[in-house]
Amino acid sequence: MLGINFSAIGLLEKGEYVRVFAKLGNWYVIQTENNIVGTVYCDYLEPYTDYTESPWQDTTSNLQTNSSIENEETVSTNSNLTEESSSSEYTSALDTPLISYTAEEQEFINLINNEREKNNLPLLEIDEDLQNVARLKAEDLVKNNYFSHTSPTFGTLYEMLDDNGIKYKTASENIAGNSSISGAVTALMNSEAHKKNILSNEFNYTGISVVNSPTYGKILVQLFIGK
């Protein structure tokens, strides 16, 4: 369980911006601009909606330019304390709505919906609960250094959806690694299996996430469901 019995892994300055992935009880799961992942008590954060996200610091100087893909089968701080959290601690349903979408997530969904619009398909709508699960999966991919639809922490896509109380008739998942959002979407559209998910008329809701990766530059996750 989260709490104060974990060692501190860094300090947050007052007014510093962090990315919030989820809220578990009274704790936020956050990522700093230096790519430190941990938790901070909710009383020490406050939403800041006018923040325009700038590119976050890369943790590698030799990012891969080719895309790796696999198919289905901002807030401001007012505290100086952040605590370590292991992936096994993120296993319960994410019980709060998103504070905001990042600029990269907005670019991702815009590019996907542009492809659907070209094919006379209805645009996918963001489902906030599904969005939380997508962020959870993306962070898990980076934190545990794997690239698969089956998480060593959370299991399969269907297990993650069921564990987080998401109802669906059909579901699928795309994941990609690339140094840019546009490059990842181009690679996905050049793969028949991924393109099929993106252009499927069976799906009407989506959740997307983009997180920095020391291996690929960025990890992108898109979950699709039909209700």
C-alpha atoms as a PDB file:
ATOM      1  CA  MET A   1       0.000   0.000   0.000  1.00  0.00           C
ATOM      2  CA  LEU A   2       1.042   3.587  -0.542  1.00  0.00           C
ATOM      3  CA  GLY A   3       2.066   5.596   2.465  1.00  0.00           C
ATOM      4  CA  ILE A   4       4.869   7.372   4.265  1.00  0.00           C
ATOM      5  CA  ASN A   5       6.940   4.276   4.955  1.00  0.00           C
ATOM      6  CA  PHE A   6       8.782   4.446   1.630  1.00  0.00           C
ATOM      7  CA  SER A   7      12.080   6.229   1.126  1.00  0.00           C
ATOM      8  CA  ALA A   8      12.038   9.587  -0.670  1.00  0.00           C
ATOM      9  CA  ILE A   9      13.501   9.482  -4.180  1.00  0.00           C
ATOM     10  CA  GLY A  10      13.533  13.207  -4.896  1.00  0.00           C
ATOM     11  CA  LEU A  11      12.328  16.676  -4.021  1.00  0.00           C
ATOM     12  CA  LEU A  12       9.708  18.802  -5.761  1.00  0.00           C
ATOM     13  CA  GLU A  13      10.082  22.550  -5.702  1.00  0.00           C
ATOM     14  CA  LYS A  14       7.083  24.794  -5.119  1.00  0.00           C
ATOM     15  CA  GLY A  15       5.599  25.711  -8.498  1.00  0.00           C
ATOM     16  CA  GLU A  16       7.221  22.781 -10.320  1.00  0.00           C
ATOM     17  CA  TYR A  17       5.075  21.066 -12.964  1.00  0.00           C
ATOM     18  CA  VAL A  18       4.581  17.313 -13.029  1.00  0.00           C
ATOM     19  CA  ARG A  19       2.552  14.890 -15.119  1.00  0.00           C
ATOM     20  CA  VAL A  20      -0.164  13.020 -13.225  1.00  0.00           C
ATOM     21  CA  PHE A  21      -0.986   9.488 -14.386  1.00  0.00           C
ATOM     22  CA  ALA A  22      -3.540   8.465 -11.792  1.00  0.00           C
ATOM     23  CA  LYS A  23      -4.838   8.947  -8.278  1.00  0.00           C
ATOM     24  CA  LEU A  24      -4.808   6.007  -5.882  1.00  0.00           C
ATOM     25  CA  GLY A  25      -6.587   6.876  -2.677  1.00  0.00           C
ATOM     26  CA  ASN A  26      -4.938  10.055  -1.392  1.00  0.00           C
ATOM     27  CA  TRP A  27      -1.817   9.689  -3.551  1.00  0.00           C
ATOM     28  CA  TYR A  28      -1.035  10.840  -7.103  1.00  0.00           C
ATOM     29  CA  VAL A  29       1.221   8.760  -9.355  1.00  0.00           C
ATOM     30  CA  ILE A  30       3.434  11.368 -11.039  1.00  0.00           C
ATOM     31  CA  GLN A  31       6.316  11.801 -13.466  1.00  0.00           C
ATOM     32  CA  THR A  32       8.679  14.779 -13.192  1.00  0.00           C
ATOM     33  CA  GLU A  33      10.306  16.589 -16.098  1.00  0.00           C
ATOM     34  CA  ASN A  34      13.464  14.610 -15.288  1.00  0.00           C
ATOM     35  CA  ASN A  35      11.509  11.354 -15.765  1.00  0.00           C
ATOM     36  CA  ILE A  36      11.427  10.432 -12.076  1.00  0.00           C
ATOM     37  CA  VAL A  37       8.310   8.365 -11.361  1.00  0.00           C
ATOM     38  CA  GLY A  38       6.854   8.233  -7.879  1.00  0.00           C
ATOM     39  CA  THR A  39       3.923   9.279  -5.730  1.00  0.00           C
ATOM     40  CA  VAL A  40       3.077  12.441  -3.851  1.00  0.00           C
ATOM     41  CA  TYR A  41       0.317  13.106  -1.335  1.00  0.00           C
ATOM     42  CA  CYS A  42      -2.697  14.750  -2.986  1.00  0.00           C
ATOM     43  CA  ASP A  43      -2.774  17.739  -0.619  1.00  0.00           C
ATOM     44  CA  TYR A  44       0.587  18.848  -2.019  1.00  0.00           C
ATOM     45  CA  LEU A  45      -0.612  19.189  -5.647  1.00  0.00           C
ATOM     46  CA  GLU A  46      -3.025  21.568  -7.291  1.00  0.00           C
ATOM     47  CA  PRO A  47      -4.345  21.510 -10.895  1.00  0.00           C
ATOM     48  CA  TYR A  48      -2.969  24.077 -13.302  1.00  0.00           C
ATOM     49  CA  THR A  49      -4.943  24.159 -16.566  1.00  0.00           C
ATOM     50  CA  ASP A  50      -3.138  27.029 -18.342  1.00  0.00           C
ATOM     51  CA  TYR A  51       0.166  25.154 -18.542  1.00  0.00           C
ATOM     52  CA  THR A  52       1.481  24.478 -22.069  1.00  0.00           C
ATOM     53  CA  GLU A  53       3.642  21.393 -21.978  1.00  0.00           C
ATOM     54  CA  SER A  54       7.150  21.758 -23.394  1.00  0.00           C
ATOM     55  CA  PRO A  55       9.203  18.778 -24.612  1.00  0.00           C
ATOM     56  CA  TRP A  56      10.413  16.754 -21.662  1.00  0.00           C
ATOM     57  CA  GLN A  57      14.050  15.931 -21.160  1.00  0.00           C
ATOM     58  CA  ASP A  58      15.324  12.947 -23.144  1.00  0.00           C
ATOM     59  CA  THR A  59      17.177  10.358 -21.090  1.00  0.00           C
ATOM     60  CA  THR A  60      19.180   9.001 -24.040  1.00  0.00           C
ATOM     61  CA  SER A  61      21.194  10.585 -26.812  1.00  0.00           C
ATOM     62  CA  ASN A  62      20.707   7.757 -29.323  1.00  0.00           C
ATOM     63  CA  LEU A  63      16.974   7.282 -29.696  1.00  0.00           C
ATOM     64  CA  GLN A  64      15.762   4.763 -32.248  1.00  0.00           C
ATOM     65  CA  THR A  65      14.207   6.348 -35.313  1.00  0.00           C
ATOM     66  CA  ASN A  66      12.412   3.247 -36.562  1.00  0.00           C
ATOM     67  CA  SER A  67       9.094   2.473 -34.972  1.00  0.00           C
ATOM     68  CA  SER A  68       8.502  -0.658 -32.940  1.00  0.00           C
ATOM     69  CA  ILE A  69       4.852  -1.618 -32.864  1.00  0.00           C
ATOM     70  CA  GLU A  70       2.763  -4.462 -31.570  1.00  0.00           C
ATOM     71  CA  ASN A  71      -0.884  -5.176 -32.110  1.00  0.00           C
ATOM     72  CA  GLU A  72      -3.603  -6.652 -29.902  1.00  0.00           C
ATOM     73  CA  GLU A  73      -3.323  -9.979 -29.945  1.00  0.00           C
ATOM     74  CA  THR A  74      -0.431  19.046 -15.698  1.00  0.00           C
ATOM     75  CA  VAL A  75      -0.484  20.068 -12.351  1.00  0.00           C
ATOM     76  CA  SER A  76       1.625  22.430 -10.221  1.00  0.00           C
ATOM     77  CA  THR A  77       3.196  21.272  -6.970  1.00  0.00           C
ATOM     78  CA  ASN A  78       3.263  23.054  -3.649  1.00  0.00           C
ATOM     79  CA  SER A  79       5.263  20.382  -1.827  1.00  0.00           C
ATOM     80  CA  ASN A  80       8.850  19.167  -1.624  1.00  0.00           C
ATOM     81  CA  LEU A  81       8.096  15.490  -0.985  1.00  0.00           C
ATOM     82  CA  THR A  82       7.756  12.611  -3.433  1.00  0.00           C
ATOM     83  CA  GLU A  83       7.865   8.923  -2.593  1.00  0.00           C
ATOM     84  CA  GLU A  84       8.801   5.768  -4.422  1.00  0.00           C
ATOM     85  CA  SER A  85       6.087   3.540  -5.832  1.00  0.00           C
ATOM     86  CA  SER A  86       6.472   0.122  -7.435  1.00  0.00           C
ATOM     87  CA  SER A  87       4.312  -1.001 -10.350  1.00  0.00           C
ATOM     88  CA  SER A  88       2.588  -3.577  -8.173  1.00  0.00           C
ATOM     89  CA  GLU A  89       1.036  -0.714  -6.238  1.00  0.00           C
ATOM     90  CA  TYR A  90      -0.972   0.563  -9.224  1.00  0.00           C
ATOM     91  CA  THR A  91      -3.227  -2.495  -9.435  1.00  0.00           C
ATOM     92  CA  SER A  92      -6.575  -1.068  -8.345  1.00  0.00           C
ATOM     93  CA  ALA A  93      -9.082   0.883 -10.420  1.00  0.00           C
ATOM     94  CA  LEU A  94      -8.201   4.493 -11.112  1.00  0.00           C
ATOM     95  CA  ASP A  95     -10.910   6.349  -9.312  1.00  0.00           C
ATOM     96  CA  THR A  96     -10.614   9.959 -10.456  1.00  0.00           C
ATOM     97  CA  PRO A  97     -11.145  11.715 -13.789  1.00  0.00           C
ATOM     98  CA  LEU A  98      -8.183  13.011 -15.723  1.00  0.00           C
ATOM     99  CA  ILE A  99      -6.898  16.429 -14.774  1.00  0.00           C
ATOM    100  CA  SER A 100      -5.892  17.235 -18.362  1.00  0.00           C
ATOM    101  CA  TYR A 101      -4.610  15.788 -21.597  1.00  0.00           C
ATOM    102  CA  THR A 102      -1.002  16.395 -22.529  1.00  0.00           C
ATOM    103  CA  ALA A 103      -0.113  18.099 -25.795  1.00  0.00           C
ATOM    104  CA  GLU A 104       1.367  14.830 -27.084  1.00  0.00           C
ATOM    105  CA  GLU A 105      -1.765  12.872 -26.219  1.00  0.00           C
ATOM    106  CA  GLN A 106      -3.872  15.468 -28.006  1.00  0.00           C
ATOM    107  CA  GLU A 107      -1.627  15.211 -31.082  1.00  0.00           C
ATOM    108  CA  PHE A 108      -1.911  11.420 -30.988  1.00  0.00           C
ATOM    109  CA  ILE A 109      -5.717  11.316 -30.925  1.00  0.00           C
ATOM    110  CA  ASN A 110      -5.964  14.075 -33.536  1.00  0.00           C
ATOM    111  CA  LEU A 111      -3.777  12.103 -35.963  1.00  0.00           C
ATOM    112  CA  ILE A 112      -5.778   8.923 -35.363  1.00  0.00           C
ATOM    113  CA  ASN A 113      -9.100  10.679 -35.889  1.00  0.00           C
ATOM    114  CA  ASN A 114      -7.751  12.358 -39.036  1.00  0.00           C
ATOM    115  CA  GLU A 115      -7.193   8.879 -40.475  1.00  0.00           C
ATOM    116  CA  ARG A 116     -10.727   7.860 -39.581  1.00  0.00           C
ATOM    117  CA  GLU A 117     -12.142  11.041 -41.069  1.00  0.00           C
ATOM    118  CA  LYS A 118     -10.322  10.330 -44.350  1.00  0.00           C
ATOM    119  CA  ASN A 119     -12.157   7.004 -44.458  1.00  0.00           C
ATOM    120  CA  ASN A 120     -15.580   8.475 -43.631  1.00  0.00           C
ATOM    121  CA  LEU A 121     -15.638   6.867 -40.200  1.00  0.00           C
ATOM    122  CA  PRO A 122     -16.996   8.466 -37.019  1.00  0.00           C
ATOM    123  CA  LEU A 123     -14.353   9.950 -34.774  1.00  0.00           C
ATOM    124  CA  LEU A 124     -13.290   8.005 -31.711  1.00  0.00           C
ATOM    125  CA  GLU A 125     -14.349   9.541 -28.421  1.00  0.00           C
ATOM    126  CA  ILE A 126     -12.024   9.642 -25.417  1.00  0.00           C
ATOM    127  CA  ASP A 127     -13.313   7.562 -22.533  1.00  0.00           C
ATOM    128  CA  GLU A 128     -11.699   8.914 -19.377  1.00  0.00           C
ATOM    129  CA  ASP A 129     -11.650   5.587 -17.540  1.00  0.00           C
ATOM    130  CA  LEU A 130     -10.088   3.946 -20.589  1.00  0.00           C
ATOM    131  CA  GLN A 131      -7.631   6.832 -20.822  1.00  0.00           C
ATOM    132  CA  ASN A 132      -6.487   6.150 -17.270  1.00  0.00           C
ATOM    133  CA  VAL A 133      -5.883   2.485 -18.108  1.00  0.00           C
ATOM    134  CA  ALA A 134      -3.915   3.455 -21.237  1.00  0.00           C
ATOM    135  CA  ARG A 135      -1.695   5.716 -19.150  1.00  0.00           C
ATOM    136  CA  LEU A 136      -1.236   2.966 -16.604  1.00  0.00           C
ATOM    137  CA  LYS A 137      -0.184   0.506 -19.340  1.00  0.00           C
ATOM    138  CA  ALA A 138       2.215   2.970 -20.995  1.00  0.00           C
ATOM    139  CA  GLU A 139       3.923   3.739 -17.712  1.00  0.00           C
ATOM    140  CA  ASP A 140       4.142   0.023 -16.927  1.00  0.00           C
ATOM    141  CA  LEU A 141       5.812  -0.646 -20.312  1.00  0.00           C
ATOM    142  CA  VAL A 142       8.517   1.912 -19.556  1.00  0.00           C
ATOM    143  CA  LYS A 143       8.948   1.219 -15.853  1.00  0.00           C
ATOM    144  CA  ASN A 144       9.245  -2.554 -16.276  1.00  0.00           C
ATOM    145  CA  ASN A 145      11.143  -2.389 -19.591  1.00  0.00           C
ATOM    146  CA  TYR A 146       9.053  -4.743 -21.735  1.00  0.00           C
ATOM    147  CA  PHE A 147       7.124  -4.465 -25.007  1.00  0.00           C
ATOM    148  CA  SER A 148       4.105  -6.730 -25.044  1.00  0.00           C
ATOM    149  CA  HIS A 149       0.330  -6.709 -24.734  1.00  0.00           C
ATOM    150  CA  THR A 150       0.590  -8.933 -21.673  1.00  0.00           C
ATOM    151  CA  SER A 151       1.825  -7.009 -18.647  1.00  0.00           C
ATOM    152  CA  PRO A 152       3.798  -8.843 -15.959  1.00  0.00           C
ATOM    153  CA  THR A 153       1.963  -6.584 -13.501  1.00  0.00           C
ATOM    154  CA  PHE A 154      -1.579  -6.344 -14.847  1.00  0.00           C
ATOM    155  CA  GLY A 155      -1.977  -9.285 -17.246  1.00  0.00           C
ATOM    156  CA  THR A 156      -3.802  -9.024 -20.570  1.00  0.00           C
ATOM    157  CA  LEU A 157      -5.753  -6.084 -21.944  1.00  0.00           C
ATOM    158  CA  TYR A 158      -9.007  -7.810 -21.025  1.00  0.00           C
ATOM    159  CA  GLU A 159      -7.859  -8.399 -17.460  1.00  0.00           C
ATOM    160  CA  MET A 160      -6.928  -4.718 -17.142  1.00  0.00           C
ATOM    161  CA  LEU A 161     -10.308  -3.622 -18.484  1.00  0.00           C
ATOM    162  CA  ASP A 162     -12.193  -6.011 -16.208  1.00  0.00           C
ATOM    163  CA  ASP A 163     -10.110  -5.115 -13.145  1.00  0.00           C
ATOM    164  CA  ASN A 164     -10.854  -1.424 -13.728  1.00  0.00           C
ATOM    165  CA  GLY A 165     -14.590  -1.937 -14.215  1.00  0.00           C
ATOM    166  CA  ILE A 166     -14.696  -0.960 -17.903  1.00  0.00           C
ATOM    167  CA  LYS A 167     -17.641  -2.411 -19.813  1.00  0.00           C
ATOM    168  CA  TYR A 168     -17.188  -3.291 -23.472  1.00  0.00           C
ATOM    169  CA  LYS A 169     -18.524  -5.478 -26.249  1.00  0.00           C
ATOM    170  CA  THR A 170     -15.224  -5.657 -28.130  1.00  0.00           C
ATOM    171  CA  ALA A 171     -11.730  -4.387 -27.353  1.00  0.00           C
ATOM    172  CA  SER A 172      -8.241  -4.193 -28.791  1.00  0.00           C
ATOM    173  CA  GLU A 173      -4.898  -2.462 -28.253  1.00  0.00           C
ATOM    174  CA  ASN A 174      -2.100  -0.900 -30.293  1.00  0.00           C
ATOM    175  CA  ILE A 175       1.297  -0.121 -28.803  1.00  0.00           C
ATOM    176  CA  ALA A 176       4.205   1.595 -30.535  1.00  0.00           C
ATOM    177  CA  GLY A 177       7.659   2.951 -29.818  1.00  0.00           C
ATOM    178  CA  ASN A 178       8.998   5.868 -31.842  1.00  0.00           C
ATOM    179  CA  SER A 179      10.892   9.125 -31.511  1.00  0.00           C
ATOM    180  CA  SER A 180       7.841  11.129 -32.670  1.00  0.00           C
ATOM    181  CA  ILE A 181       4.053  10.931 -32.516  1.00  0.00           C
ATOM    182  CA  SER A 182       3.629  11.366 -36.279  1.00  0.00           C
ATOM    183  CA  GLY A 183       6.256   8.710 -36.961  1.00  0.00           C
ATOM    184  CA  ALA A 184       4.470   6.250 -34.704  1.00  0.00           C
ATOM    185  CA  VAL A 185       1.083   6.861 -36.349  1.00  0.00           C
ATOM    186  CA  THR A 186       2.630   6.467 -39.823  1.00  0.00           C
ATOM    187  CA  ALA A 187       4.147   3.148 -38.751  1.00  0.00           C
ATOM    188  CA  LEU A 188       0.839   1.983 -37.295  1.00  0.00           C
ATOM    189  CA  MET A 189      -1.007   2.870 -40.489  1.00  0.00           C
ATOM    190  CA  ASN A 190       1.595   0.972 -42.534  1.00  0.00           C
ATOM    191  CA  SER A 191       0.818  -2.196 -40.577  1.00  0.00           C
ATOM    192  CA  GLU A 192      -2.371  -3.938 -41.679  1.00  0.00           C
ATOM    193  CA  ALA A 193      -3.233  -5.278 -38.225  1.00  0.00           C
ATOM    194  CA  HIS A 194      -2.793  -1.904 -36.539  1.00  0.00           C
ATOM    195  CA  LYS A 195      -4.527  -0.063 -39.345  1.00  0.00           C
ATOM    196  CA  LYS A 196      -7.472  -2.430 -38.956  1.00  0.00           C
ATOM    197  CA  ASN A 197      -7.848  -1.378 -35.328  1.00  0.00           C
ATOM    198  CA  ILE A 198      -7.579   2.319 -36.149  1.00  0.00           C
ATOM    199  CA  LEU A 199     -10.148   2.117 -38.938  1.00  0.00           C
ATOM    200  CA  SER A 200     -12.502  -0.407 -37.362  1.00  0.00           C
ATOM    201  CA  ASN A 201     -16.169   0.539 -37.280  1.00  0.00           C
ATOM    202  CA  GLU A 202     -16.599  -1.736 -34.255  1.00  0.00           C
ATOM    203  CA  PHE A 203     -14.826   0.729 -31.972  1.00  0.00           C
ATOM    204  CA  ASN A 204     -16.310   4.026 -30.835  1.00  0.00           C
ATOM    205  CA  TYR A 205     -14.267   4.836 -27.708  1.00  0.00           C
ATOM    206  CA  THR A 206     -10.551   5.060 -27.121  1.00  0.00           C
ATOM    207  CA  GLY A 207      -7.944   5.794 -24.478  1.00  0.00           C
ATOM    208  CA  ILE A 208      -4.469   6.959 -25.474  1.00  0.00           C
ATOM    209  CA  SER A 209      -1.207   7.656 -23.699  1.00  0.00           C
ATOM    210  CA  VAL A 210       2.254   8.910 -24.589  1.00  0.00           C
ATOM    211  CA  VAL A 211       5.191   8.617 -22.178  1.00  0.00           C
ATOM    212  CA  ASN A 212       8.929   9.155 -22.622  1.00  0.00           C
ATOM    213  CA  SER A 213      11.013   6.019 -23.122  1.00  0.00           C
ATOM    214  CA  PRO A 214      14.807   5.680 -22.844  1.00  0.00           C
ATOM    215  CA  THR A 215      14.651   2.910 -25.474  1.00  0.00           C
ATOM    216  CA  TYR A 216      12.337   4.302 -28.159  1.00  0.00           C
ATOM    217  CA  GLY A 217      12.052   7.987 -27.366  1.00  0.00           C
ATOM    218  CA  LYS A 218       8.321   7.652 -26.753  1.00  0.00           C
ATOM    219  CA  ILE A 219       5.969   4.810 -25.954  1.00  0.00           C
ATOM    220  CA  LEU A 220       2.430   5.171 -27.303  1.00  0.00           C
ATOM    221  CA  VAL A 221      -0.537   3.110 -26.165  1.00  0.00           C
ATOM    222  CA  GLN A 222      -4.007   3.185 -27.698  1.00  0.00           C
ATOM    223  CA  LEU A 223      -6.873   1.152 -26.317  1.00  0.00           C
ATOM    224  CA  PHE A 224     -10.049   0.637 -28.361  1.00  0.00           C
ATOM    225  CA  ILE A 225     -13.446  -0.489 -27.152  1.00  0.00           C
ATOM    226  CA  GLY A 226     -16.881  -0.824 -28.655  1.00  0.00           C
ATOM    227  CA  LYS A 227     -19.873  -0.343 -26.379  1.00  0.00           C
END
